Amino acid sequence: MRAFKTFTGLVAPLDKANVDTDQIIPKQFLKAIVRSGLGRGLFFDWRYRADGSEDPAFVLNDPRYKGASVLVARANFGSGSSREHAVWALDDFGFRAVIAPSFADIFRNNAMKNGLLPVILSAAEVDRIFVMIGEHPGYSLTVDLDNQTVRDAYGWSARFEVEPFARKCLLEGLDDIGLTLMHESRIAAYEAAHPLPYPAR
């Protein structure tokens, strides 16, 4: 997965609490077994009308937030089923980080294992971000995982915490496969010392 260090991105405001994974990526998109292309299904039922046209009232259809890479939302983001597709869809759409006062545990774990950073800030800090978005067109945030801070161009900053092991994996771009391959030589040595009792195909 991509390493996550420091980046600055346009912020899109999703002023909703309890956004569940059914809303993030509806069930009809779960047939996909690859990650690419899932962005088209992100918030599908909110982004599109019944006739297939874009709903201009939905925030991600607002030209002001085109190309946003930071999503800010309210509490309990990512609740519902454990579908990893929800994280893949956010990533494929272009988001690198989601900021909220709280996340569902499974979503948060899936996010960190796929290079999408879930940033937990206090409700008051999230309120402040929403206010700044309204006051400053093109409002951006710099997310610094190394120092575990979020800051803007107006002198505001906030600190967040990520577990040390998860933080190390994100900083180095190590998913579960990458972690396993760090021990490739030891795995190869074990396999050489323990040949299969039957012919390999």
N, C-alpha and C. Protein backbone atom coordinates (compact mmCIF):
# COMPACT_ATOMS: atom_id res chain seq x y z
N MET A 1 0.85 -1.19 0.00
CA MET A 1 0.00 0.00 0.00
C MET A 1 0.89 1.24 0.00
N ARG A 2 0.28 2.39 -0.34
CA ARG A 2 1.03 3.64 -0.35
C ARG A 2 1.42 4.05 1.06
N ALA A 3 2.64 4.54 1.20
CA ALA A 3 3.05 5.08 2.50
C ALA A 3 2.30 6.38 2.75
N PHE A 4 1.98 6.63 3.99
CA PHE A 4 1.28 7.85 4.38
C PHE A 4 2.21 8.64 5.29
N LYS A 5 2.61 9.81 4.87
CA LYS A 5 3.48 10.64 5.71
C LYS A 5 2.82 11.98 5.98
N THR A 6 3.10 12.97 5.16
CA THR A 6 2.49 14.28 5.32
C THR A 6 1.92 14.72 3.97
N PHE A 7 0.71 15.20 3.98
CA PHE A 7 0.16 15.74 2.73
C PHE A 7 -0.83 16.84 3.06
N THR A 8 -1.05 17.71 2.11
CA THR A 8 -2.02 18.80 2.24
C THR A 8 -3.11 18.58 1.20
N GLY A 9 -4.36 18.64 1.64
CA GLY A 9 -5.45 18.38 0.71
C GLY A 9 -6.68 19.22 0.98
N LEU A 10 -7.45 19.44 -0.06
CA LEU A 10 -8.74 20.12 0.02
C LEU A 10 -9.69 19.29 0.89
N VAL A 11 -10.47 19.97 1.71
CA VAL A 11 -11.37 19.29 2.65
C VAL A 11 -12.81 19.36 2.15
N ALA A 12 -13.49 18.21 2.14
CA ALA A 12 -14.92 18.14 1.80
C ALA A 12 -15.71 17.87 3.08
N PRO A 13 -16.76 18.64 3.33
CA PRO A 13 -17.55 18.47 4.56
C PRO A 13 -18.75 17.56 4.36
N LEU A 14 -18.78 16.44 5.06
CA LEU A 14 -19.94 15.54 5.05
C LEU A 14 -20.59 15.68 6.42
N ASP A 15 -21.55 16.58 6.51
CA ASP A 15 -22.11 16.95 7.81
C ASP A 15 -23.19 15.95 8.24
N LYS A 16 -22.74 14.71 8.47
CA LYS A 16 -23.65 13.64 8.87
C LYS A 16 -22.97 12.78 9.93
N ALA A 17 -23.75 12.30 10.88
CA ALA A 17 -23.27 11.33 11.87
C ALA A 17 -23.76 9.95 11.47
N ASN A 18 -23.12 8.93 12.03
CA ASN A 18 -23.54 7.53 11.83
C ASN A 18 -23.58 7.14 10.35
N VAL A 19 -22.61 7.60 9.58
CA VAL A 19 -22.52 7.21 8.17
C VAL A 19 -22.06 5.77 8.13
N ASP A 20 -22.92 4.87 7.66
CA ASP A 20 -22.55 3.46 7.70
C ASP A 20 -22.00 2.99 6.36
N THR A 21 -21.47 1.78 6.37
CA THR A 21 -20.80 1.27 5.17
C THR A 21 -21.77 0.98 4.03
N ASP A 22 -23.05 0.79 4.35
CA ASP A 22 -24.06 0.62 3.29
C ASP A 22 -24.22 1.93 2.51
N GLN A 23 -24.05 3.03 3.20
CA GLN A 23 -24.15 4.34 2.54
C GLN A 23 -22.83 4.68 1.82
N ILE A 24 -21.72 4.27 2.41
CA ILE A 24 -20.43 4.55 1.78
C ILE A 24 -20.31 3.81 0.45
N ILE A 25 -20.67 2.52 0.44
CA ILE A 25 -20.62 1.73 -0.80
C ILE A 25 -21.77 0.73 -0.78
N PRO A 26 -22.84 0.97 -1.52
CA PRO A 26 -24.00 0.08 -1.50
C PRO A 26 -23.69 -1.34 -1.96
N LYS A 27 -24.56 -2.25 -1.59
CA LYS A 27 -24.33 -3.68 -1.77
C LYS A 27 -24.10 -4.10 -3.21
N GLN A 28 -24.68 -3.40 -4.18
CA GLN A 28 -24.53 -3.82 -5.58
C GLN A 28 -23.10 -3.70 -6.09
N PHE A 29 -22.26 -2.96 -5.35
CA PHE A 29 -20.88 -2.80 -5.77
C PHE A 29 -19.94 -3.80 -5.09
N LEU A 30 -20.48 -4.66 -4.26
CA LEU A 30 -19.64 -5.60 -3.51
C LEU A 30 -19.22 -6.80 -4.33
N LYS A 31 -19.71 -6.90 -5.56
CA LYS A 31 -19.32 -8.01 -6.42
C LYS A 31 -17.88 -7.86 -6.90
N ALA A 32 -17.37 -6.65 -6.86
CA ALA A 32 -16.01 -6.39 -7.36
C ALA A 32 -14.98 -7.08 -6.47
N ILE A 33 -13.98 -7.66 -7.10
CA ILE A 33 -12.90 -8.29 -6.34
C ILE A 33 -11.59 -7.53 -6.52
N VAL A 34 -11.66 -6.41 -7.22
CA VAL A 34 -10.50 -5.53 -7.36
C VAL A 34 -10.87 -4.17 -6.78
N ARG A 35 -9.86 -3.43 -6.38
CA ARG A 35 -10.13 -2.15 -5.72
C ARG A 35 -10.38 -1.02 -6.70
N SER A 36 -9.78 -1.07 -7.87
CA SER A 36 -9.90 0.03 -8.81
C SER A 36 -11.32 0.13 -9.34
N GLY A 37 -11.79 1.35 -9.50
CA GLY A 37 -13.11 1.59 -10.05
C GLY A 37 -14.22 1.70 -9.03
N LEU A 38 -13.93 1.40 -7.77
CA LEU A 38 -14.99 1.43 -6.76
C LEU A 38 -15.41 2.85 -6.40
N GLY A 39 -14.57 3.82 -6.75
CA GLY A 39 -14.91 5.21 -6.45
C GLY A 39 -16.22 5.65 -7.08
N ARG A 40 -16.58 5.02 -8.20
CA ARG A 40 -17.83 5.41 -8.87
C ARG A 40 -19.05 5.04 -8.03
N GLY A 41 -18.90 4.09 -7.11
CA GLY A 41 -20.01 3.70 -6.26
C GLY A 41 -20.03 4.40 -4.91
N LEU A 42 -19.03 5.24 -4.64
CA LEU A 42 -18.94 5.90 -3.34
C LEU A 42 -20.17 6.78 -3.09
N PHE A 43 -20.84 6.58 -1.98
CA PHE A 43 -22.04 7.34 -1.62
C PHE A 43 -23.04 7.38 -2.78
N PHE A 44 -23.16 6.27 -3.47
CA PHE A 44 -23.94 6.22 -4.72
C PHE A 44 -25.37 6.71 -4.53
N ASP A 45 -26.02 6.26 -3.46
CA ASP A 45 -27.43 6.61 -3.26
C ASP A 45 -27.61 8.08 -2.89
N TRP A 46 -26.56 8.73 -2.45
CA TRP A 46 -26.61 10.16 -2.15
C TRP A 46 -26.13 11.01 -3.33
N ARG A 47 -25.20 10.47 -4.09
CA ARG A 47 -24.64 11.24 -5.20
C ARG A 47 -25.56 11.30 -6.41
N TYR A 48 -26.39 10.27 -6.58
CA TYR A 48 -27.19 10.18 -7.79
C TYR A 48 -28.69 10.11 -7.50
N ARG A 49 -29.46 10.69 -8.40
CA ARG A 49 -30.91 10.58 -8.35
C ARG A 49 -31.35 9.27 -8.96
N ALA A 50 -32.65 8.99 -8.86
CA ALA A 50 -33.19 7.73 -9.37
C ALA A 50 -32.99 7.60 -10.88
N ASP A 51 -32.94 8.73 -11.59
CA ASP A 51 -32.76 8.68 -13.05
C ASP A 51 -31.30 8.59 -13.47
N GLY A 52 -30.39 8.50 -12.48
CA GLY A 52 -28.96 8.37 -12.78
C GLY A 52 -28.21 9.67 -12.86
N SER A 53 -28.90 10.79 -12.79
CA SER A 53 -28.22 12.09 -12.84
C SER A 53 -27.66 12.45 -11.47
N GLU A 54 -26.64 13.29 -11.46
CA GLU A 54 -26.04 13.70 -10.20
C GLU A 54 -27.01 14.59 -9.42
N ASP A 55 -27.03 14.41 -8.11
CA ASP A 55 -27.82 15.26 -7.24
C ASP A 55 -26.97 16.45 -6.84
N PRO A 56 -27.27 17.64 -7.31
CA PRO A 56 -26.42 18.80 -7.01
C PRO A 56 -26.41 19.18 -5.54
N ALA A 57 -27.37 18.66 -4.77
CA ALA A 57 -27.43 18.99 -3.35
C ALA A 57 -26.40 18.22 -2.53
N PHE A 58 -25.84 17.15 -3.11
CA PHE A 58 -24.88 16.36 -2.34
C PHE A 58 -23.49 16.98 -2.43
N VAL A 59 -22.81 17.01 -1.32
CA VAL A 59 -21.57 17.77 -1.19
C VAL A 59 -20.50 17.37 -2.21
N LEU A 60 -20.36 16.09 -2.50
CA LEU A 60 -19.30 15.68 -3.42
C LEU A 60 -19.61 16.02 -4.88
N ASN A 61 -20.83 16.47 -5.14
CA ASN A 61 -21.17 16.95 -6.48
C ASN A 61 -21.01 18.46 -6.61
N ASP A 62 -20.63 19.10 -5.51
CA ASP A 62 -20.40 20.55 -5.50
C ASP A 62 -19.03 20.82 -6.10
N PRO A 63 -18.96 21.64 -7.15
CA PRO A 63 -17.66 21.93 -7.79
C PRO A 63 -16.60 22.46 -6.82
N ARG A 64 -17.03 23.07 -5.72
CA ARG A 64 -16.07 23.61 -4.75
C ARG A 64 -15.22 22.51 -4.11
N TYR A 65 -15.72 21.29 -4.12
CA TYR A 65 -15.00 20.21 -3.44
C TYR A 65 -14.45 19.17 -4.41
N LYS A 66 -14.43 19.52 -5.68
CA LYS A 66 -13.86 18.61 -6.68
C LYS A 66 -12.37 18.41 -6.39
N GLY A 67 -11.96 17.15 -6.32
CA GLY A 67 -10.57 16.84 -6.04
C GLY A 67 -10.21 16.81 -4.56
N ALA A 68 -11.21 16.87 -3.69
CA ALA A 68 -10.95 16.82 -2.25
C ALA A 68 -10.28 15.51 -1.87
N SER A 69 -9.32 15.59 -0.97
CA SER A 69 -8.62 14.39 -0.53
C SER A 69 -8.73 14.17 0.98
N VAL A 70 -9.43 15.10 1.67
CA VAL A 70 -9.70 14.95 3.10
C VAL A 70 -11.21 15.06 3.28
N LEU A 71 -11.80 14.08 3.95
CA LEU A 71 -13.24 14.09 4.22
C LEU A 71 -13.42 14.32 5.71
N VAL A 72 -14.27 15.28 6.08
CA VAL A 72 -14.57 15.49 7.50
C VAL A 72 -16.04 15.17 7.72
N ALA A 73 -16.32 14.39 8.75
CA ALA A 73 -17.68 13.93 9.03
C ALA A 73 -17.93 13.97 10.54
N ARG A 74 -19.12 13.56 10.90
CA ARG A 74 -19.49 13.54 12.32
C ARG A 74 -19.22 12.17 12.93
N ALA A 75 -19.73 11.96 14.13
CA ALA A 75 -19.38 10.79 14.94
C ALA A 75 -19.84 9.47 14.32
N ASN A 76 -19.13 8.42 14.70
CA ASN A 76 -19.47 7.03 14.37
C ASN A 76 -19.42 6.77 12.86
N PHE A 77 -18.40 7.29 12.21
CA PHE A 77 -18.25 7.08 10.78
C PHE A 77 -17.84 5.63 10.51
N GLY A 78 -18.45 5.02 9.49
CA GLY A 78 -18.07 3.67 9.09
C GLY A 78 -18.73 2.56 9.88
N SER A 79 -19.85 2.86 10.51
CA SER A 79 -20.57 1.81 11.24
C SER A 79 -21.24 0.86 10.26
N GLY A 80 -21.86 -0.19 10.77
CA GLY A 80 -22.54 -1.14 9.91
C GLY A 80 -21.68 -2.34 9.59
N SER A 81 -21.87 -2.92 8.42
CA SER A 81 -21.16 -4.16 8.06
C SER A 81 -19.68 -3.90 7.88
N SER A 82 -18.90 -4.96 7.88
CA SER A 82 -17.44 -4.84 7.90
C SER A 82 -16.81 -4.76 6.52
N ARG A 83 -17.59 -4.48 5.50
CA ARG A 83 -17.09 -4.51 4.12
C ARG A 83 -15.86 -3.63 3.91
N GLU A 84 -14.77 -4.27 3.46
CA GLU A 84 -13.53 -3.56 3.17
C GLU A 84 -13.70 -2.66 1.95
N HIS A 85 -14.70 -2.96 1.12
CA HIS A 85 -14.97 -2.16 -0.07
C HIS A 85 -15.22 -0.69 0.28
N ALA A 86 -15.71 -0.41 1.49
CA ALA A 86 -15.98 0.97 1.88
C ALA A 86 -14.69 1.78 1.88
N VAL A 87 -13.64 1.20 2.43
CA VAL A 87 -12.33 1.87 2.43
C VAL A 87 -11.79 1.98 1.02
N TRP A 88 -11.91 0.90 0.25
CA TRP A 88 -11.40 0.91 -1.12
C TRP A 88 -12.08 1.99 -1.95
N ALA A 89 -13.39 2.18 -1.74
CA ALA A 89 -14.13 3.18 -2.51
C ALA A 89 -13.67 4.59 -2.16
N LEU A 90 -13.48 4.87 -0.89
CA LEU A 90 -12.98 6.18 -0.47
C LEU A 90 -11.60 6.45 -1.06
N ASP A 91 -10.74 5.44 -1.00
CA ASP A 91 -9.39 5.58 -1.53
C ASP A 91 -9.42 5.78 -3.05
N ASP A 92 -10.23 5.00 -3.74
CA ASP A 92 -10.29 5.09 -5.19
C ASP A 92 -10.86 6.43 -5.65
N PHE A 93 -11.72 7.01 -4.84
CA PHE A 93 -12.29 8.32 -5.16
C PHE A 93 -11.27 9.44 -5.00
N GLY A 94 -10.24 9.18 -4.18
CA GLY A 94 -9.18 10.16 -4.00
C GLY A 94 -8.94 10.63 -2.57
N PHE A 95 -9.67 10.07 -1.63
CA PHE A 95 -9.47 10.49 -0.23
C PHE A 95 -8.27 9.78 0.38
N ARG A 96 -7.46 10.56 1.09
CA ARG A 96 -6.31 10.00 1.81
C ARG A 96 -6.56 9.93 3.30
N ALA A 97 -7.49 10.76 3.79
CA ALA A 97 -7.78 10.80 5.23
C ALA A 97 -9.24 11.13 5.45
N VAL A 98 -9.79 10.59 6.55
CA VAL A 98 -11.14 10.93 7.00
C VAL A 98 -11.01 11.41 8.43
N ILE A 99 -11.61 12.56 8.72
CA ILE A 99 -11.56 13.14 10.07
C ILE A 99 -12.96 13.08 10.67
N ALA A 100 -13.06 12.58 11.89
CA ALA A 100 -14.35 12.48 12.58
C ALA A 100 -14.09 12.36 14.08
N PRO A 101 -15.11 12.61 14.91
CA PRO A 101 -14.93 12.44 16.36
C PRO A 101 -14.80 10.98 16.78
N SER A 102 -15.33 10.07 15.96
CA SER A 102 -15.20 8.65 16.28
C SER A 102 -15.48 7.83 15.03
N PHE A 103 -14.95 6.61 15.03
CA PHE A 103 -15.11 5.67 13.92
C PHE A 103 -15.56 4.32 14.46
N ALA A 104 -16.27 3.58 13.65
CA ALA A 104 -16.54 2.19 13.99
C ALA A 104 -15.21 1.44 13.96
N ASP A 105 -15.00 0.54 14.91
CA ASP A 105 -13.70 -0.12 15.06
C ASP A 105 -13.27 -0.88 13.82
N ILE A 106 -14.18 -1.65 13.22
CA ILE A 106 -13.81 -2.46 12.07
C ILE A 106 -13.42 -1.57 10.89
N PHE A 107 -14.20 -0.51 10.66
CA PHE A 107 -13.86 0.41 9.58
C PHE A 107 -12.49 1.03 9.83
N ARG A 108 -12.24 1.44 11.05
CA ARG A 108 -10.97 2.09 11.36
C ARG A 108 -9.80 1.13 11.12
N ASN A 109 -9.93 -0.11 11.52
CA ASN A 109 -8.87 -1.09 11.28
C ASN A 109 -8.69 -1.35 9.79
N ASN A 110 -9.80 -1.49 9.05
CA ASN A 110 -9.70 -1.68 7.61
C ASN A 110 -9.01 -0.50 6.94
N ALA A 111 -9.33 0.70 7.39
CA ALA A 111 -8.74 1.90 6.80
C ALA A 111 -7.23 1.90 6.97
N MET A 112 -6.78 1.64 8.18
CA MET A 112 -5.34 1.71 8.44
C MET A 112 -4.58 0.62 7.71
N LYS A 113 -5.22 -0.52 7.47
CA LYS A 113 -4.56 -1.61 6.75
C LYS A 113 -4.55 -1.39 5.24
N ASN A 114 -5.25 -0.34 4.80
CA ASN A 114 -5.32 -0.05 3.37
C ASN A 114 -4.80 1.34 3.01
N GLY A 115 -4.13 1.99 3.95
CA GLY A 115 -3.49 3.26 3.65
C GLY A 115 -4.37 4.49 3.72
N LEU A 116 -5.60 4.33 4.24
CA LEU A 116 -6.50 5.47 4.44
C LEU A 116 -6.43 5.84 5.91
N LEU A 117 -6.07 7.08 6.22
CA LEU A 117 -5.85 7.46 7.61
C LEU A 117 -7.14 7.97 8.26
N PRO A 118 -7.64 7.28 9.31
CA PRO A 118 -8.77 7.79 10.08
C PRO A 118 -8.24 8.66 11.22
N VAL A 119 -8.60 9.92 11.21
CA VAL A 119 -8.10 10.88 12.21
C VAL A 119 -9.22 11.19 13.19
N ILE A 120 -8.99 10.88 14.46
CA ILE A 120 -9.98 11.17 15.50
C ILE A 120 -9.64 12.49 16.17
N LEU A 121 -10.55 13.45 16.05
CA LEU A 121 -10.44 14.72 16.75
C LEU A 121 -11.67 14.89 17.64
N SER A 122 -11.60 15.81 18.57
CA SER A 122 -12.75 16.05 19.43
C SER A 122 -13.90 16.65 18.62
N ALA A 123 -15.11 16.53 19.17
CA ALA A 123 -16.27 17.09 18.49
C ALA A 123 -16.11 18.60 18.29
N ALA A 124 -15.51 19.28 19.28
CA ALA A 124 -15.30 20.72 19.16
C ALA A 124 -14.31 21.04 18.05
N GLU A 125 -13.27 20.24 17.91
CA GLU A 125 -12.29 20.46 16.84
C GLU A 125 -12.91 20.21 15.46
N VAL A 126 -13.75 19.18 15.38
CA VAL A 126 -14.44 18.91 14.12
C VAL A 126 -15.42 20.05 13.80
N ASP A 127 -16.12 20.55 14.82
CA ASP A 127 -17.00 21.70 14.62
C ASP A 127 -16.22 22.87 14.02
N ARG A 128 -15.04 23.10 14.54
CA ARG A 128 -14.22 24.23 14.09
C ARG A 128 -13.85 24.06 12.62
N ILE A 129 -13.54 22.83 12.20
CA ILE A 129 -13.21 22.57 10.80
C ILE A 129 -14.40 22.90 9.91
N PHE A 130 -15.60 22.47 10.31
CA PHE A 130 -16.79 22.77 9.52
C PHE A 130 -16.99 24.29 9.39
N VAL A 131 -16.78 25.02 10.47
CA VAL A 131 -16.90 26.48 10.42
C VAL A 131 -15.89 27.08 9.45
N MET A 132 -14.65 26.62 9.52
CA MET A 132 -13.60 27.16 8.65
C MET A 132 -13.87 26.85 7.18
N ILE A 133 -14.42 25.68 6.91
CA ILE A 133 -14.77 25.34 5.52
C ILE A 133 -15.78 26.35 4.98
N GLY A 134 -16.75 26.70 5.82
CA GLY A 134 -17.77 27.66 5.40
C GLY A 134 -17.22 29.07 5.21
N GLU A 135 -16.20 29.41 5.97
CA GLU A 135 -15.64 30.77 5.92
C GLU A 135 -14.54 30.95 4.89
N HIS A 136 -13.90 29.85 4.49
CA HIS A 136 -12.73 29.95 3.62
C HIS A 136 -12.86 29.00 2.43
N PRO A 137 -13.31 29.50 1.29
CA PRO A 137 -13.39 28.64 0.09
C PRO A 137 -12.03 28.03 -0.23
N GLY A 138 -12.04 26.76 -0.60
CA GLY A 138 -10.79 26.07 -0.90
C GLY A 138 -10.01 25.68 0.35
N TYR A 139 -10.72 25.60 1.48
CA TYR A 139 -10.06 25.29 2.75
C TYR A 139 -9.35 23.94 2.68
N SER A 140 -8.08 23.95 3.08
CA SER A 140 -7.26 22.73 3.05
C SER A 140 -6.68 22.46 4.42
N LEU A 141 -6.31 21.23 4.63
CA LEU A 141 -5.64 20.82 5.86
C LEU A 141 -4.37 20.05 5.51
N THR A 142 -3.37 20.21 6.35
CA THR A 142 -2.16 19.40 6.25
C THR A 142 -2.22 18.33 7.33
N VAL A 143 -2.18 17.09 6.90
CA VAL A 143 -2.23 15.96 7.82
C VAL A 143 -0.82 15.38 7.93
N ASP A 144 -0.27 15.43 9.11
CA ASP A 144 1.11 15.01 9.35
C ASP A 144 1.09 13.80 10.28
N LEU A 145 1.24 12.62 9.69
CA LEU A 145 1.19 11.40 10.50
C LEU A 145 2.44 11.25 11.36
N ASP A 146 3.56 11.68 10.85
CA ASP A 146 4.81 11.55 11.60
C ASP A 146 4.70 12.25 12.96
N ASN A 147 4.15 13.48 12.95
CA ASN A 147 4.00 14.25 14.18
C ASN A 147 2.60 14.16 14.75
N GLN A 148 1.72 13.43 14.06
CA GLN A 148 0.35 13.22 14.51
C GLN A 148 -0.39 14.54 14.76
N THR A 149 -0.33 15.40 13.75
CA THR A 149 -1.01 16.69 13.84
C THR A 149 -1.80 16.97 12.56
N VAL A 150 -2.82 17.79 12.72
CA VAL A 150 -3.58 18.35 11.61
C VAL A 150 -3.47 19.86 11.76
N ARG A 151 -3.18 20.57 10.67
CA ARG A 151 -3.06 22.02 10.76
C ARG A 151 -3.58 22.68 9.48
N ASP A 152 -3.94 23.95 9.61
CA ASP A 152 -4.39 24.69 8.43
C ASP A 152 -3.48 25.90 8.21
N ALA A 153 -3.82 26.71 7.24
CA ALA A 153 -2.99 27.87 6.89
C ALA A 153 -3.33 29.09 7.73
N TYR A 154 -4.22 28.92 8.72
CA TYR A 154 -4.67 30.06 9.52
C TYR A 154 -4.18 29.99 10.97
N GLY A 155 -3.22 29.13 11.21
CA GLY A 155 -2.61 29.06 12.54
C GLY A 155 -3.23 28.04 13.48
N TRP A 156 -4.23 27.31 13.01
CA TRP A 156 -4.87 26.31 13.88
C TRP A 156 -4.22 24.96 13.69
N SER A 157 -4.13 24.21 14.77
CA SER A 157 -3.65 22.83 14.67
C SER A 157 -4.29 22.00 15.76
N ALA A 158 -4.29 20.71 15.56
CA ALA A 158 -4.83 19.77 16.55
C ALA A 158 -3.99 18.50 16.49
N ARG A 159 -3.95 17.81 17.60
CA ARG A 159 -3.16 16.58 17.68
C ARG A 159 -4.10 15.37 17.70
N PHE A 160 -3.67 14.30 17.06
CA PHE A 160 -4.42 13.05 17.09
C PHE A 160 -3.46 11.92 17.44
N GLU A 161 -4.00 10.80 17.82
CA GLU A 161 -3.19 9.66 18.22
C GLU A 161 -3.46 8.46 17.33
N VAL A 162 -2.41 7.76 16.95
CA VAL A 162 -2.51 6.50 16.23
C VAL A 162 -1.63 5.50 16.95
N GLU A 163 -2.11 4.27 17.13
CA GLU A 163 -1.33 3.26 17.81
C GLU A 163 0.05 3.12 17.13
N PRO A 164 1.12 2.95 17.92
CA PRO A 164 2.48 2.94 17.36
C PRO A 164 2.68 1.95 16.21
N PHE A 165 2.16 0.72 16.35
CA PHE A 165 2.39 -0.27 15.29
C PHE A 165 1.66 0.13 14.02
N ALA A 166 0.39 0.56 14.15
CA ALA A 166 -0.38 0.98 12.98
C ALA A 166 0.27 2.19 12.33
N ARG A 167 0.77 3.10 13.14
CA ARG A 167 1.44 4.30 12.63
C ARG A 167 2.68 3.92 11.84
N LYS A 168 3.48 3.00 12.37
CA LYS A 168 4.69 2.54 11.68
C LYS A 168 4.33 1.91 10.32
N CYS A 169 3.29 1.08 10.31
CA CYS A 169 2.89 0.44 9.05
C CYS A 169 2.44 1.46 8.02
N LEU A 170 1.68 2.46 8.45
CA LEU A 170 1.23 3.50 7.53
C LEU A 170 2.40 4.32 7.01
N LEU A 171 3.30 4.70 7.90
CA LEU A 171 4.45 5.51 7.49
C LEU A 171 5.34 4.78 6.50
N GLU A 172 5.43 3.47 6.64
CA GLU A 172 6.31 2.68 5.78
C GLU A 172 5.56 2.00 4.63
N GLY A 173 4.24 2.18 4.58
CA GLY A 173 3.46 1.57 3.51
C GLY A 173 3.39 0.07 3.59
N LEU A 174 3.31 -0.47 4.80
CA LEU A 174 3.32 -1.91 5.00
C LEU A 174 1.92 -2.43 5.31
N ASP A 175 1.33 -3.18 4.39
CA ASP A 175 0.09 -3.89 4.70
C ASP A 175 0.45 -5.28 5.21
N ASP A 176 -0.54 -6.15 5.39
CA ASP A 176 -0.26 -7.48 5.94
C ASP A 176 0.69 -8.27 5.05
N ILE A 177 0.55 -8.14 3.75
CA ILE A 177 1.44 -8.85 2.82
C ILE A 177 2.86 -8.30 2.94
N GLY A 178 2.95 -6.97 2.99
CA GLY A 178 4.27 -6.35 3.12
C GLY A 178 4.97 -6.76 4.40
N LEU A 179 4.21 -6.86 5.48
CA LEU A 179 4.80 -7.30 6.76
C LEU A 179 5.31 -8.73 6.65
N THR A 180 4.54 -9.57 5.97
CA THR A 180 4.97 -10.96 5.79
C THR A 180 6.24 -11.04 4.96
N LEU A 181 6.31 -10.26 3.89
CA LEU A 181 7.47 -10.32 3.00
C LEU A 181 8.75 -9.79 3.66
N MET A 182 8.63 -9.09 4.76
CA MET A 182 9.82 -8.67 5.50
C MET A 182 10.58 -9.89 6.04
N HIS A 183 9.87 -11.01 6.15
CA HIS A 183 10.48 -12.24 6.68
C HIS A 183 10.67 -13.28 5.57
N GLU A 184 10.76 -12.80 4.33
CA GLU A 184 10.82 -13.71 3.18
C GLU A 184 12.00 -14.68 3.26
N SER A 185 13.16 -14.20 3.68
CA SER A 185 14.33 -15.08 3.73
C SER A 185 14.14 -16.17 4.77
N ARG A 186 13.55 -15.82 5.89
CA ARG A 186 13.31 -16.83 6.94
C ARG A 186 12.25 -17.84 6.49
N ILE A 187 11.25 -17.36 5.77
CA ILE A 187 10.22 -18.26 5.24
C ILE A 187 10.84 -19.24 4.25
N ALA A 188 11.69 -18.70 3.37
CA ALA A 188 12.35 -19.54 2.36
C ALA A 188 13.24 -20.58 3.03
N ALA A 189 13.96 -20.16 4.08
CA ALA A 189 14.83 -21.10 4.79
C ALA A 189 14.02 -22.20 5.45
N TYR A 190 12.87 -21.84 6.02
CA TYR A 190 12.02 -22.85 6.66
C TYR A 190 11.49 -23.83 5.61
N GLU A 191 11.05 -23.30 4.47
CA GLU A 191 10.51 -24.17 3.43
C GLU A 191 11.58 -25.11 2.88
N ALA A 192 12.81 -24.61 2.78
CA ALA A 192 13.90 -25.46 2.29
C ALA A 192 14.20 -26.59 3.26
N ALA A 193 14.06 -26.32 4.56
CA ALA A 193 14.34 -27.32 5.59
C ALA A 193 13.16 -28.27 5.81
N HIS A 194 12.01 -27.91 5.27
CA HIS A 194 10.81 -28.73 5.47
C HIS A 194 10.14 -28.95 4.11
N PRO A 195 10.75 -29.78 3.26
CA PRO A 195 10.18 -30.03 1.93
C PRO A 195 8.80 -30.68 2.04
N LEU A 196 7.99 -30.44 1.01
CA LEU A 196 6.67 -31.04 0.96
C LEU A 196 6.76 -32.55 0.89
N PRO A 197 5.87 -33.25 1.57
CA PRO A 197 5.90 -34.73 1.50
C PRO A 197 5.26 -35.28 0.23
N TYR A 198 4.88 -34.39 -0.66
CA TYR A 198 4.26 -34.81 -1.93
C TYR A 198 4.77 -33.86 -3.01
N PRO A 199 4.73 -34.27 -4.26
CA PRO A 199 5.24 -33.42 -5.34
C PRO A 199 4.43 -32.14 -5.48
N ALA A 200 5.13 -31.01 -5.56
CA ALA A 200 4.46 -29.71 -5.77
C ALA A 200 3.98 -29.61 -7.21
N ARG A 201 2.83 -29.02 -7.43
CA ARG A 201 2.31 -28.86 -8.80
C ARG A 201 2.53 -27.44 -9.27
